[in-house]
Amino acid sequence: MKKLITLLFITSTLVAKSQTVEEAIKTTLTQWETAADQTARMAAVNRFGLIANKWSTEWVAHYYAGYIKTITGAIEADKVKKSQFFNEAEKSLEAAKANGASENDEVYVLLAMISSNRIGLDPEAWQKHMEVYSTNLRKAKQLRKENPRIYYIEGMSKYYTPEAYGGGKKNALIYFEKAEEYFKNETNTDIRKPYWGREQNSKMLEQCNQP
């Protein structure tokens, strides 16, 4: 608890000193990616919340708050906490839409990712979650079909779907390969143009190519 309080104090100070929203986001992304344990990771998650509060009219601040909560929820083992992260992520993404990102494909990719993950949390309602997932991916494609994260998310969905229902490694591979082609066209210089997913997609390509 003492460690978390210390990290939260440092987090608040760093956000307060940040000159731009881009600077704050980049620093916090590095903090989350290099976190040594769950305590440090949660400090970064909380920092994204502070960033969204400080730059409340910036869609990008809410987007990354939604992104980090989505990813944290995806790797969380506890189902109750997992659901809470997804609920919070959806609120952040709605805030992003309300502040200028209603026609941003990246927002819909994350919303699709959340719906896909909710299937495992609520299998009996899989049709409802699958419909939301499909709707959001379709919207993302309409806005920018060259977004590699669209195909990464589709590949993940196929990978974890039984082969009898059209899933499995072979069917997922097609999507990961397509994502890889589009990832080649991206740079990581502009935080307002999200570039996450390339490393994860490469790992899934390896998994699918293994015997």
C-alpha atoms as a PDB file:
ATOM      1  CA  MET A   1       0.000   0.000   0.000  1.00  0.00           C
ATOM      2  CA  LYS A   2       2.848   2.379   0.903  1.00  0.00           C
ATOM      3  CA  LYS A   3       4.472   1.698  -2.466  1.00  0.00           C
ATOM      4  CA  LEU A   4       1.229   2.397  -4.322  1.00  0.00           C
ATOM      5  CA  ILE A   5       0.683   5.678  -2.452  1.00  0.00           C
ATOM      6  CA  THR A   6       4.235   6.749  -3.288  1.00  0.00           C
ATOM      7  CA  LEU A   7       3.762   5.872  -6.962  1.00  0.00           C
ATOM      8  CA  LEU A   8       0.450   7.723  -7.103  1.00  0.00           C
ATOM      9  CA  PHE A   9       2.097  10.827  -5.603  1.00  0.00           C
ATOM     10  CA  ILE A  10       4.874  10.665  -8.187  1.00  0.00           C
ATOM     11  CA  THR A  11       2.267  10.086 -10.894  1.00  0.00           C
ATOM     12  CA  SER A  12       0.253  13.166  -9.877  1.00  0.00           C
ATOM     13  CA  THR A  13       3.397  15.289  -9.837  1.00  0.00           C
ATOM     14  CA  LEU A  14       4.493  14.123 -13.287  1.00  0.00           C
ATOM     15  CA  VAL A  15       1.083  14.845 -14.799  1.00  0.00           C
ATOM     16  CA  ALA A  16       1.015  18.291 -13.221  1.00  0.00           C
ATOM     17  CA  LYS A  17       4.443  19.114 -14.692  1.00  0.00           C
ATOM     18  CA  SER A  18       3.717  17.771 -18.172  1.00  0.00           C
ATOM     19  CA  GLN A  19       3.655  20.573 -20.731  1.00  0.00           C
ATOM     20  CA  THR A  20       1.530  18.819 -23.353  1.00  0.00           C
ATOM     21  CA  VAL A  21      -0.944  15.956 -23.493  1.00  0.00           C
ATOM     22  CA  GLU A  22       1.312  14.164 -25.989  1.00  0.00           C
ATOM     23  CA  GLU A  23       4.267  14.354 -23.598  1.00  0.00           C
ATOM     24  CA  ALA A  24       2.182  13.016 -20.723  1.00  0.00           C
ATOM     25  CA  ILE A  25       0.801  10.121 -22.788  1.00  0.00           C
ATOM     26  CA  LYS A  26       4.189   9.041 -24.136  1.00  0.00           C
ATOM     27  CA  THR A  27       5.763   9.066 -20.675  1.00  0.00           C
ATOM     28  CA  THR A  28       2.890   7.108 -19.173  1.00  0.00           C
ATOM     29  CA  LEU A  29       2.859   4.531 -21.947  1.00  0.00           C
ATOM     30  CA  THR A  30       6.519   3.850 -21.228  1.00  0.00           C
ATOM     31  CA  GLN A  31       5.723   3.648 -17.508  1.00  0.00           C
ATOM     32  CA  TRP A  32       3.026   1.035 -18.143  1.00  0.00           C
ATOM     33  CA  GLU A  33       5.053  -0.988 -20.644  1.00  0.00           C
ATOM     34  CA  THR A  34       8.083  -1.176 -18.350  1.00  0.00           C
ATOM     35  CA  ALA A  35       6.158  -1.756 -15.108  1.00  0.00           C
ATOM     36  CA  ALA A  36       7.869  -4.383 -12.961  1.00  0.00           C
ATOM     37  CA  ASP A  37       4.729  -5.449 -11.128  1.00  0.00           C
ATOM     38  CA  GLN A  38       0.978  -4.913 -10.858  1.00  0.00           C
ATOM     39  CA  THR A  39       1.405  -2.020  -8.410  1.00  0.00           C
ATOM     40  CA  ALA A  40       3.507  -0.057 -10.886  1.00  0.00           C
ATOM     41  CA  ARG A  41       1.134  -0.979 -13.693  1.00  0.00           C
ATOM     42  CA  MET A  42      -1.870   0.315 -11.755  1.00  0.00           C
ATOM     43  CA  ALA A  43      -0.055   3.561 -11.017  1.00  0.00           C
ATOM     44  CA  ALA A  44       0.258   4.058 -14.772  1.00  0.00           C
ATOM     45  CA  VAL A  45      -3.428   3.226 -15.274  1.00  0.00           C
ATOM     46  CA  ASN A  46      -4.338   5.842 -12.656  1.00  0.00           C
ATOM     47  CA  ARG A  47      -2.031   8.346 -14.304  1.00  0.00           C
ATOM     48  CA  PHE A  48      -3.947   7.972 -17.560  1.00  0.00           C
ATOM     49  CA  GLY A  49      -7.063   8.875 -15.609  1.00  0.00           C
ATOM     50  CA  LEU A  50      -5.360  12.031 -14.351  1.00  0.00           C
ATOM     51  CA  ILE A  51      -4.279  12.892 -17.893  1.00  0.00           C
ATOM     52  CA  ALA A  52      -7.863  12.544 -19.107  1.00  0.00           C
ATOM     53  CA  ASN A  53      -9.036  14.830 -16.306  1.00  0.00           C
ATOM     54  CA  LYS A  54      -6.366  17.469 -16.977  1.00  0.00           C
ATOM     55  CA  TRP A  55      -6.928  17.493 -20.745  1.00  0.00           C
ATOM     56  CA  SER A  56     -10.643  16.733 -20.608  1.00  0.00           C
ATOM     57  CA  THR A  57     -11.413  18.225 -24.023  1.00  0.00           C
ATOM     58  CA  GLU A  58      -8.677  16.255 -25.807  1.00  0.00           C
ATOM     59  CA  TRP A  59     -10.030  13.075 -27.405  1.00  0.00           C
ATOM     60  CA  VAL A  60      -6.562  11.537 -27.402  1.00  0.00           C
ATOM     61  CA  ALA A  61      -6.370  11.719 -23.586  1.00  0.00           C
ATOM     62  CA  HIS A  62      -9.621   9.776 -23.211  1.00  0.00           C
ATOM     63  CA  TYR A  63      -8.623   7.368 -25.978  1.00  0.00           C
ATOM     64  CA  TYR A  64      -5.431   6.292 -24.226  1.00  0.00           C
ATOM     65  CA  ALA A  65      -7.232   6.024 -20.907  1.00  0.00           C
ATOM     66  CA  GLY A  66      -9.615   3.650 -22.693  1.00  0.00           C
ATOM     67  CA  TYR A  67      -6.776   1.813 -24.402  1.00  0.00           C
ATOM     68  CA  ILE A  68      -4.802   1.136 -21.240  1.00  0.00           C
ATOM     69  CA  LYS A  69      -7.914  -0.021 -19.366  1.00  0.00           C
ATOM     70  CA  THR A  70      -8.816  -2.337 -22.250  1.00  0.00           C
ATOM     71  CA  ILE A  71      -5.366  -3.937 -22.296  1.00  0.00           C
ATOM     72  CA  THR A  72      -5.215  -4.155 -18.514  1.00  0.00           C
ATOM     73  CA  GLY A  73      -8.626  -5.806 -18.502  1.00  0.00           C
ATOM     74  CA  ALA A  74      -7.546  -8.274 -21.163  1.00  0.00           C
ATOM     75  CA  ILE A  75      -4.625  -9.528 -19.041  1.00  0.00           C
ATOM     76  CA  GLU A  76      -6.453  -9.395 -15.699  1.00  0.00           C
ATOM     77  CA  ALA A  77      -7.240 -12.870 -14.339  1.00  0.00           C
ATOM     78  CA  ASP A  78     -10.001 -11.923 -11.889  1.00  0.00           C
ATOM     79  CA  LYS A  79     -13.308 -11.849 -13.789  1.00  0.00           C
ATOM     80  CA  VAL A  80     -14.899  -9.158 -11.626  1.00  0.00           C
ATOM     81  CA  LYS A  81     -11.922  -6.815 -12.007  1.00  0.00           C
ATOM     82  CA  LYS A  82     -11.732  -7.693 -15.695  1.00  0.00           C
ATOM     83  CA  SER A  83     -15.323  -6.592 -16.236  1.00  0.00           C
ATOM     84  CA  GLN A  84     -14.738  -3.397 -14.253  1.00  0.00           C
ATOM     85  CA  PHE A  85     -11.775  -2.461 -16.430  1.00  0.00           C
ATOM     86  CA  PHE A  86     -13.859  -2.982 -19.559  1.00  0.00           C
ATOM     87  CA  ASN A  87     -16.714  -0.895 -18.159  1.00  0.00           C
ATOM     88  CA  GLU A  88     -14.316   1.944 -17.389  1.00  0.00           C
ATOM     89  CA  ALA A  89     -12.656   1.601 -20.786  1.00  0.00           C
ATOM     90  CA  GLU A  90     -15.998   1.970 -22.550  1.00  0.00           C
ATOM     91  CA  LYS A  91     -16.736   5.154 -20.573  1.00  0.00           C
ATOM     92  CA  SER A  92     -13.362   6.591 -21.568  1.00  0.00           C
ATOM     93  CA  LEU A  93     -13.943   5.743 -25.229  1.00  0.00           C
ATOM     94  CA  GLU A  94     -17.381   7.342 -25.151  1.00  0.00           C
ATOM     95  CA  ALA A  95     -15.697  10.458 -23.729  1.00  0.00           C
ATOM     96  CA  ALA A  96     -13.212  10.322 -26.615  1.00  0.00           C
ATOM     97  CA  LYS A  97     -16.098  10.191 -29.086  1.00  0.00           C
ATOM     98  CA  ALA A  98     -17.772  13.129 -27.357  1.00  0.00           C
ATOM     99  CA  ASN A  99     -14.588  15.175 -27.691  1.00  0.00           C
ATOM    100  CA  GLY A 100     -13.931  14.820 -31.387  1.00  0.00           C
ATOM    101  CA  ALA A 101     -13.321  11.120 -32.069  1.00  0.00           C
ATOM    102  CA  SER A 102     -16.796   9.994 -33.080  1.00  0.00           C
ATOM    103  CA  GLU A 103     -15.448   9.266 -36.567  1.00  0.00           C
ATOM    104  CA  ASN A 104     -12.086   7.877 -35.483  1.00  0.00           C
ATOM    105  CA  ASP A 105     -11.568   4.239 -36.489  1.00  0.00           C
ATOM    106  CA  GLU A 106      -9.220   3.599 -33.551  1.00  0.00           C
ATOM    107  CA  VAL A 107     -12.022   4.085 -31.033  1.00  0.00           C
ATOM    108  CA  TYR A 108     -14.171   1.453 -32.717  1.00  0.00           C
ATOM    109  CA  VAL A 109     -11.289  -1.023 -32.839  1.00  0.00           C
ATOM    110  CA  LEU A 110     -10.968  -0.849 -29.050  1.00  0.00           C
ATOM    111  CA  LEU A 111     -14.723  -1.136 -28.562  1.00  0.00           C
ATOM    112  CA  ALA A 112     -14.647  -4.268 -30.730  1.00  0.00           C
ATOM    113  CA  MET A 113     -11.775  -5.653 -28.678  1.00  0.00           C
ATOM    114  CA  ILE A 114     -13.746  -5.141 -25.487  1.00  0.00           C
ATOM    115  CA  SER A 115     -16.817  -6.914 -26.892  1.00  0.00           C
ATOM    116  CA  SER A 116     -14.675  -9.831 -28.042  1.00  0.00           C
ATOM    117  CA  ASN A 117     -13.240 -10.206 -24.545  1.00  0.00           C
ATOM    118  CA  ARG A 118     -16.694  -9.997 -22.981  1.00  0.00           C
ATOM    119  CA  ILE A 119     -17.669 -13.226 -24.731  1.00  0.00           C
ATOM    120  CA  GLY A 120     -15.384 -15.156 -22.398  1.00  0.00           C
ATOM    121  CA  LEU A 121     -16.843 -13.372 -19.386  1.00  0.00           C
ATOM    122  CA  ASP A 122     -20.451 -13.946 -20.408  1.00  0.00           C
ATOM    123  CA  PRO A 123     -20.615 -16.976 -22.758  1.00  0.00           C
ATOM    124  CA  GLU A 124     -24.412 -17.263 -22.557  1.00  0.00           C
ATOM    125  CA  ALA A 125     -24.728 -13.801 -24.127  1.00  0.00           C
ATOM    126  CA  TRP A 126     -22.127 -14.455 -26.826  1.00  0.00           C
ATOM    127  CA  GLN A 127     -24.507 -13.517 -29.641  1.00  0.00           C
ATOM    128  CA  LYS A 128     -25.101 -10.072 -28.153  1.00  0.00           C
ATOM    129  CA  HIS A 129     -21.384  -9.437 -27.648  1.00  0.00           C
ATOM    130  CA  MET A 130     -20.563 -10.802 -31.099  1.00  0.00           C
ATOM    131  CA  GLU A 131     -23.080  -8.430 -32.677  1.00  0.00           C
ATOM    132  CA  VAL A 132     -21.501  -5.440 -30.910  1.00  0.00           C
ATOM    133  CA  TYR A 133     -18.039  -6.689 -31.892  1.00  0.00           C
ATOM    134  CA  SER A 134     -19.038  -7.016 -35.567  1.00  0.00           C
ATOM    135  CA  THR A 135     -20.777  -3.624 -35.625  1.00  0.00           C
ATOM    136  CA  ASN A 136     -17.738  -1.826 -34.235  1.00  0.00           C
ATOM    137  CA  LEU A 137     -15.289  -3.563 -36.573  1.00  0.00           C
ATOM    138  CA  ARG A 138     -17.518  -2.800 -39.538  1.00  0.00           C
ATOM    139  CA  LYS A 139     -17.578   0.874 -38.520  1.00  0.00           C
ATOM    140  CA  ALA A 140     -13.775   0.906 -38.158  1.00  0.00           C
ATOM    141  CA  LYS A 141     -13.371  -0.567 -41.654  1.00  0.00           C
ATOM    142  CA  GLN A 142     -15.741   1.991 -43.134  1.00  0.00           C
ATOM    143  CA  LEU A 143     -13.635   4.762 -41.651  1.00  0.00           C
ATOM    144  CA  ARG A 144     -10.186   3.324 -42.506  1.00  0.00           C
ATOM    145  CA  LYS A 145      -9.852  -0.210 -43.778  1.00  0.00           C
ATOM    146  CA  GLU A 146      -6.033   0.077 -43.775  1.00  0.00           C
ATOM    147  CA  ASN A 147      -5.932   0.091 -39.966  1.00  0.00           C
ATOM    148  CA  PRO A 148      -3.798  -2.963 -39.032  1.00  0.00           C
ATOM    149  CA  ARG A 149      -5.388  -3.261 -35.587  1.00  0.00           C
ATOM    150  CA  ILE A 150      -8.686  -4.210 -37.245  1.00  0.00           C
ATOM    151  CA  TYR A 151      -7.138  -7.383 -38.636  1.00  0.00           C
ATOM    152  CA  TYR A 152      -5.140  -8.064 -35.494  1.00  0.00           C
ATOM    153  CA  ILE A 153      -8.392  -8.064 -33.493  1.00  0.00           C
ATOM    154  CA  GLU A 154     -10.069 -10.274 -36.089  1.00  0.00           C
ATOM    155  CA  GLY A 155      -7.126 -12.655 -35.969  1.00  0.00           C
ATOM    156  CA  MET A 156      -7.317 -12.879 -32.179  1.00  0.00           C
ATOM    157  CA  SER A 157     -11.024 -13.637 -32.375  1.00  0.00           C
ATOM    158  CA  LYS A 158     -10.413 -16.412 -34.932  1.00  0.00           C
ATOM    159  CA  TYR A 159      -7.471 -17.811 -32.991  1.00  0.00           C
ATOM    160  CA  TYR A 160      -9.576 -18.418 -29.890  1.00  0.00           C
ATOM    161  CA  THR A 161     -12.599 -19.710 -31.792  1.00  0.00           C
ATOM    162  CA  PRO A 162     -12.779 -23.523 -32.130  1.00  0.00           C
ATOM    163  CA  GLU A 163     -11.904 -24.860 -35.594  1.00  0.00           C
ATOM    164  CA  ALA A 164     -15.360 -26.420 -35.833  1.00  0.00           C
ATOM    165  CA  TYR A 165     -16.771 -22.881 -35.831  1.00  0.00           C
ATOM    166  CA  GLY A 166     -14.337 -21.426 -38.355  1.00  0.00           C
ATOM    167  CA  GLY A 167     -11.513 -20.560 -35.991  1.00  0.00           C
ATOM    168  CA  GLY A 168      -8.098 -21.951 -35.135  1.00  0.00           C
ATOM    169  CA  LYS A 169      -4.531 -21.122 -36.170  1.00  0.00           C
ATOM    170  CA  LYS A 170      -4.975 -21.607 -39.903  1.00  0.00           C
ATOM    171  CA  ASN A 171      -7.959 -19.289 -40.178  1.00  0.00           C
ATOM    172  CA  ALA A 172      -6.426 -16.712 -37.844  1.00  0.00           C
ATOM    173  CA  LEU A 173      -3.147 -16.586 -39.752  1.00  0.00           C
ATOM    174  CA  ILE A 174      -4.741 -14.857 -42.742  1.00  0.00           C
ATOM    175  CA  TYR A 175      -5.742 -11.903 -40.574  1.00  0.00           C
ATOM    176  CA  PHE A 176      -2.402 -11.616 -38.785  1.00  0.00           C
ATOM    177  CA  GLU A 177      -0.627 -11.620 -42.147  1.00  0.00           C
ATOM    178  CA  LYS A 178      -2.893  -8.863 -43.437  1.00  0.00           C
ATOM    179  CA  ALA A 179      -2.301  -6.843 -40.272  1.00  0.00           C
ATOM    180  CA  GLU A 180       1.457  -7.261 -40.694  1.00  0.00           C
ATOM    181  CA  GLU A 181       1.309  -5.734 -44.168  1.00  0.00           C
ATOM    182  CA  TYR A 182      -0.521  -2.671 -42.891  1.00  0.00           C
ATOM    183  CA  PHE A 183       1.742  -2.349 -39.838  1.00  0.00           C
ATOM    184  CA  LYS A 184       4.667  -1.830 -42.247  1.00  0.00           C
ATOM    185  CA  ASN A 185       3.125   1.482 -43.276  1.00  0.00           C
ATOM    186  CA  GLU A 186       2.930   2.865 -39.734  1.00  0.00           C
ATOM    187  CA  THR A 187       5.377   4.971 -37.749  1.00  0.00           C
ATOM    188  CA  ASN A 188       5.558   5.536 -34.001  1.00  0.00           C
ATOM    189  CA  THR A 189       6.248   9.263 -34.093  1.00  0.00           C
ATOM    190  CA  ASP A 190       2.757  10.701 -33.633  1.00  0.00           C
ATOM    191  CA  ILE A 191       0.878   9.696 -30.486  1.00  0.00           C
ATOM    192  CA  ARG A 192      -2.336  10.985 -32.075  1.00  0.00           C
ATOM    193  CA  LYS A 193      -2.014   8.199 -34.635  1.00  0.00           C
ATOM    194  CA  PRO A 194      -2.050   5.060 -32.445  1.00  0.00           C
ATOM    195  CA  TYR A 195       0.530   2.456 -33.400  1.00  0.00           C
ATOM    196  CA  TRP A 196       0.085  -0.256 -30.773  1.00  0.00           C
ATOM    197  CA  GLY A 197      -0.252  -3.911 -31.717  1.00  0.00           C
ATOM    198  CA  ARG A 198       2.658  -4.593 -34.055  1.00  0.00           C
ATOM    199  CA  GLU A 199       4.704  -6.576 -31.530  1.00  0.00           C
ATOM    200  CA  GLN A 200       1.672  -8.556 -30.365  1.00  0.00           C
ATOM    201  CA  ASN A 201       0.707  -9.319 -33.956  1.00  0.00           C
ATOM    202  CA  SER A 202       4.219 -10.591 -34.711  1.00  0.00           C
ATOM    203  CA  LYS A 203       4.012 -12.950 -31.746  1.00  0.00           C
ATOM    204  CA  MET A 204       0.699 -14.302 -32.967  1.00  0.00           C
ATOM    205  CA  LEU A 205       2.163 -14.835 -36.447  1.00  0.00           C
ATOM    206  CA  GLU A 206       4.850 -16.988 -34.842  1.00  0.00           C
ATOM    207  CA  GLN A 207       2.246 -18.928 -32.888  1.00  0.00           C
ATOM    208  CA  CYS A 208       0.176 -19.615 -35.994  1.00  0.00           C
ATOM    209  CA  ASN A 209       3.192 -20.709 -38.019  1.00  0.00           C
ATOM    210  CA  GLN A 210       4.276 -23.270 -35.442  1.00  0.00           C
ATOM    211  CA  PRO A 211       3.371 -26.913 -36.247  1.00  0.00           C
END
